[in-house]
Amino acid sequence: MDTPRPRLTLAERLYLPQVIQGVGITTRHFLRNLTLHTLHLFGLARDKAAAVTTQYPEQRKVYSEGYRGAHRLTLKPDGSVRCTACFLCATACPAKCINIEAGEHPDPEVEKYPVRYEIDTLQCIYCGMCVEACPCDAIRMDTFVHPRLWGYRREDFIEPKAVLMERSRVLHERGRDALMEDLQRAYQEGRDVGPAVT
């Protein structure tokens, strides 16, 4: 059964009312914020908040507990990586951004470990599937920091095992805020290293 398509008026076909409505909303927000920011400069209307852009990374917002930040590899009490190179995180990753190279561990009690563990942050979609797939809690996304956001080559955005392990050390020794402070310091200094490696 075919239903007849409704007839559109000329104004509806030109989308003119919708365009005018959208420009009106944008203009209203612009004028409201401009007025409030101007009044705030003179100490007036302090009780009314105007829209403000967070100047990241110089400024930062407080994230909720469920925020998925940059990855980290958890460590054993002896400081070695907890990962057993089982490849479950790389298999579960829908973006295929995790690259692992397994090797035989020098300790005969341990079967294998990741010789190379890299995450390509340009491909990562931060879904958390790698964290959910890991059977030994070796990878987490509880750092509350963004991944590195500056660089001139694709390689600048690949985080190696050393960077991922260093985040766990910093988190354990200096706390969550230290990770963001290190990231901001590296950004301001324009260092060409990972966010937590000095």
Protein backbone atom coordinates (compact mmCIF):
# COMPACT_ATOMS: atom_id res chain seq x y z
CA MET A 1 0.00 0.00 0.00
CA ASP A 2 1.51 3.29 -1.08
CA THR A 3 0.88 6.33 1.03
CA PRO A 4 0.82 9.62 -0.81
CA ARG A 5 3.69 12.00 -0.03
CA PRO A 6 2.55 15.23 1.60
CA ARG A 7 2.73 18.35 -0.53
CA LEU A 8 5.36 20.84 0.69
CA THR A 9 4.88 24.56 0.41
CA LEU A 10 7.48 26.71 -1.34
CA ALA A 11 8.88 27.95 2.00
CA GLU A 12 9.20 24.36 3.25
CA ARG A 13 10.99 23.29 0.09
CA LEU A 14 13.48 26.15 0.47
CA TYR A 15 13.97 25.37 4.19
CA LEU A 16 13.67 29.10 4.78
CA PRO A 17 11.77 28.99 8.11
CA GLN A 18 14.24 26.45 9.54
CA VAL A 19 17.28 28.46 8.41
CA ILE A 20 15.86 31.66 9.93
CA GLN A 21 15.02 29.83 13.15
CA GLY A 22 18.57 28.41 13.41
CA VAL A 23 20.21 31.78 12.77
CA GLY A 24 17.90 33.32 15.38
CA ILE A 25 18.88 30.77 18.05
CA THR A 26 22.59 31.22 17.31
CA THR A 27 22.29 35.02 17.40
CA ARG A 28 20.36 34.90 20.68
CA HIS A 29 23.05 32.75 22.35
CA PHE A 30 25.83 34.95 20.97
CA LEU A 31 24.25 38.20 22.18
CA ARG A 32 23.41 36.73 25.60
CA ASN A 33 26.97 35.52 26.18
CA LEU A 34 28.50 38.73 24.82
CA THR A 35 26.33 40.81 27.14
CA LEU A 36 27.05 38.65 30.20
CA HIS A 37 30.81 38.58 29.58
CA THR A 38 30.81 42.37 29.17
CA LEU A 39 28.84 42.81 32.40
CA HIS A 40 31.22 40.43 34.21
CA LEU A 41 34.14 42.66 33.17
CA PHE A 42 32.52 45.52 35.10
CA GLY A 43 31.61 43.37 38.10
CA LEU A 44 27.92 43.16 37.27
CA ALA A 45 25.57 40.18 36.92
CA ARG A 46 28.01 37.82 38.63
CA ASP A 47 25.16 35.52 39.62
CA LYS A 48 24.41 34.66 35.98
CA ALA A 49 26.85 32.32 34.23
CA ALA A 50 27.83 32.80 30.62
CA ALA A 51 29.04 30.02 28.33
CA VAL A 52 32.77 29.50 28.68
CA THR A 53 35.17 27.48 26.56
CA THR A 54 37.64 25.38 28.53
CA GLN A 55 41.11 26.21 27.22
CA TYR A 56 42.44 22.64 27.22
CA PRO A 57 45.17 21.63 28.03
CA GLU A 58 45.99 24.76 30.06
CA GLN A 59 42.69 24.40 31.91
CA ARG A 60 40.95 21.16 32.68
CA LYS A 61 37.59 19.86 33.78
CA VAL A 62 36.95 17.37 36.56
CA TYR A 63 35.93 14.06 35.02
CA SER A 64 33.48 11.57 36.47
CA GLU A 65 34.69 8.26 37.88
CA GLY A 66 33.57 6.37 34.76
CA TYR A 67 35.71 8.47 32.40
CA ARG A 68 37.85 6.42 30.00
CA GLY A 69 41.20 8.15 29.78
CA ALA A 70 44.51 7.17 28.30
CA HIS A 71 45.57 3.54 28.72
CA ARG A 72 48.06 2.20 31.24
CA LEU A 73 49.63 -1.20 31.81
CA THR A 74 49.37 -2.32 35.42
CA LEU A 75 52.45 -3.56 37.24
CA LYS A 76 53.26 -6.46 39.53
CA PRO A 77 54.68 -5.68 43.01
CA ASP A 78 58.22 -6.22 41.63
CA GLY A 79 57.64 -3.49 39.01
CA SER A 80 57.35 -5.76 35.98
CA VAL A 81 54.39 -5.60 33.64
CA ARG A 82 51.38 -7.71 34.63
CA CYS A 83 50.53 -8.51 30.99
CA THR A 84 50.99 -12.14 29.94
CA ALA A 85 50.84 -11.42 26.19
CA CYS A 86 47.69 -13.49 25.73
CA PHE A 87 46.52 -11.21 22.87
CA LEU A 88 42.92 -11.06 24.15
CA CYS A 89 42.97 -7.25 24.27
CA ALA A 90 44.28 -7.01 20.72
CA THR A 91 41.70 -9.56 19.56
CA ALA A 92 38.81 -7.74 21.26
CA CYS A 93 39.85 -4.31 19.93
CA PRO A 94 37.43 -3.25 17.17
CA ALA A 95 39.88 -0.61 15.89
CA LYS A 96 42.82 -3.05 15.76
CA CYS A 97 45.09 -0.44 17.34
CA ILE A 98 46.94 -2.71 19.81
CA ASN A 99 50.12 -4.40 18.60
CA ILE A 100 51.79 -7.00 20.81
CA GLU A 101 54.94 -9.00 20.26
CA ALA A 102 55.27 -11.85 22.75
CA GLY A 103 58.53 -13.28 23.99
CA GLU A 104 59.78 -15.92 26.39
CA HIS A 105 60.19 -14.52 29.89
CA PRO A 106 63.65 -14.83 31.49
CA ASP A 107 62.00 -16.21 34.65
CA PRO A 108 61.16 -19.91 34.07
CA GLU A 109 58.09 -19.54 36.35
CA VAL A 110 56.53 -17.07 33.89
CA GLU A 111 55.58 -18.41 30.47
CA LYS A 112 55.72 -15.27 28.33
CA TYR A 113 55.50 -11.49 28.45
CA PRO A 114 55.08 -8.65 25.95
CA VAL A 115 58.43 -7.73 24.43
CA ARG A 116 56.61 -4.98 22.53
CA TYR A 117 53.22 -3.54 23.44
CA GLU A 118 51.99 -0.52 21.47
CA ILE A 119 48.71 1.37 21.19
CA ASP A 120 48.10 3.60 18.18
CA THR A 121 46.07 6.44 19.71
CA LEU A 122 45.07 7.77 16.28
CA GLN A 123 43.19 4.54 15.60
CA CYS A 124 41.89 3.92 19.13
CA ILE A 125 38.21 4.70 19.70
CA TYR A 126 38.48 4.46 23.52
CA CYS A 127 35.68 1.93 23.78
CA GLY A 128 37.22 0.01 26.70
CA MET A 129 36.89 -3.41 25.06
CA CYS A 130 40.58 -4.13 25.75
CA VAL A 131 40.04 -3.51 29.47
CA GLU A 132 37.01 -5.78 29.57
CA ALA A 133 38.76 -8.57 27.65
CA CYS A 134 41.90 -8.72 29.81
CA PRO A 135 41.76 -11.74 32.15
CA CYS A 136 44.59 -10.53 34.42
CA ASP A 137 43.68 -6.83 34.83
CA ALA A 138 46.82 -5.81 32.96
CA ILE A 139 45.36 -2.86 31.03
CA ARG A 140 43.23 -0.07 32.43
CA MET A 141 41.84 3.26 31.26
CA ASP A 142 41.54 4.94 34.68
CA THR A 143 44.25 7.58 34.22
CA PHE A 144 41.79 10.50 33.78
CA VAL A 145 44.06 12.08 31.18
CA HIS A 146 43.69 12.48 27.45
CA PRO A 147 46.17 10.81 25.16
CA ARG A 148 48.95 12.90 23.71
CA LEU A 149 47.43 15.53 21.41
CA TRP A 150 50.41 17.09 19.71
CA GLY A 151 52.89 15.73 17.22
CA TYR A 152 54.11 16.05 13.67
CA ARG A 153 54.50 12.40 12.68
CA ARG A 154 52.22 9.41 12.98
CA GLU A 155 54.80 7.74 15.23
CA ASP A 156 54.30 10.53 17.80
CA PHE A 157 50.88 9.07 18.56
CA ILE A 158 51.95 5.45 19.10
CA GLU A 159 52.32 4.78 22.81
CA PRO A 160 54.93 2.09 23.57
CA LYS A 161 55.08 -0.21 26.57
CA ALA A 162 57.42 2.12 28.48
CA VAL A 163 54.90 5.00 28.37
CA LEU A 164 52.00 2.74 29.36
CA MET A 165 53.98 1.31 32.30
CA GLU A 166 55.22 4.74 33.40
CA ARG A 167 51.63 5.93 33.80
CA SER A 168 51.07 3.18 36.38
CA ARG A 169 54.24 4.16 38.26
CA VAL A 170 53.26 7.84 38.32
CA LEU A 171 49.70 7.00 39.37
CA HIS A 172 50.99 4.82 42.22
CA GLU A 173 53.74 7.18 43.43
CA ARG A 174 52.31 10.66 42.85
CA GLY A 175 48.57 10.25 42.26
CA ARG A 176 46.09 10.96 39.51
CA ASP A 177 46.71 14.71 39.22
CA ALA A 178 50.42 14.13 38.55
CA LEU A 179 49.60 12.45 35.24
CA MET A 180 47.78 15.54 33.99
CA GLU A 181 50.52 17.84 35.33
CA ASP A 182 53.16 15.83 33.46
CA LEU A 183 51.06 15.92 30.28
CA GLN A 184 50.60 19.69 30.52
CA ARG A 185 54.29 20.30 31.28
CA ALA A 186 55.36 18.20 28.29
CA TYR A 187 52.90 20.07 26.07
CA GLN A 188 54.08 23.50 27.23
CA GLU A 189 57.74 22.57 26.82
CA GLY A 190 57.02 21.08 23.40
CA ARG A 191 58.84 17.89 24.29
CA ASP A 192 58.85 15.16 21.68
CA VAL A 193 58.28 12.35 24.18
CA GLY A 194 55.29 10.50 25.53
CA PRO A 195 53.02 12.15 28.08
CA ALA A 196 54.52 10.58 31.18
CA VAL A 197 58.07 9.66 30.23
CA THR A 198 60.81 12.06 31.29
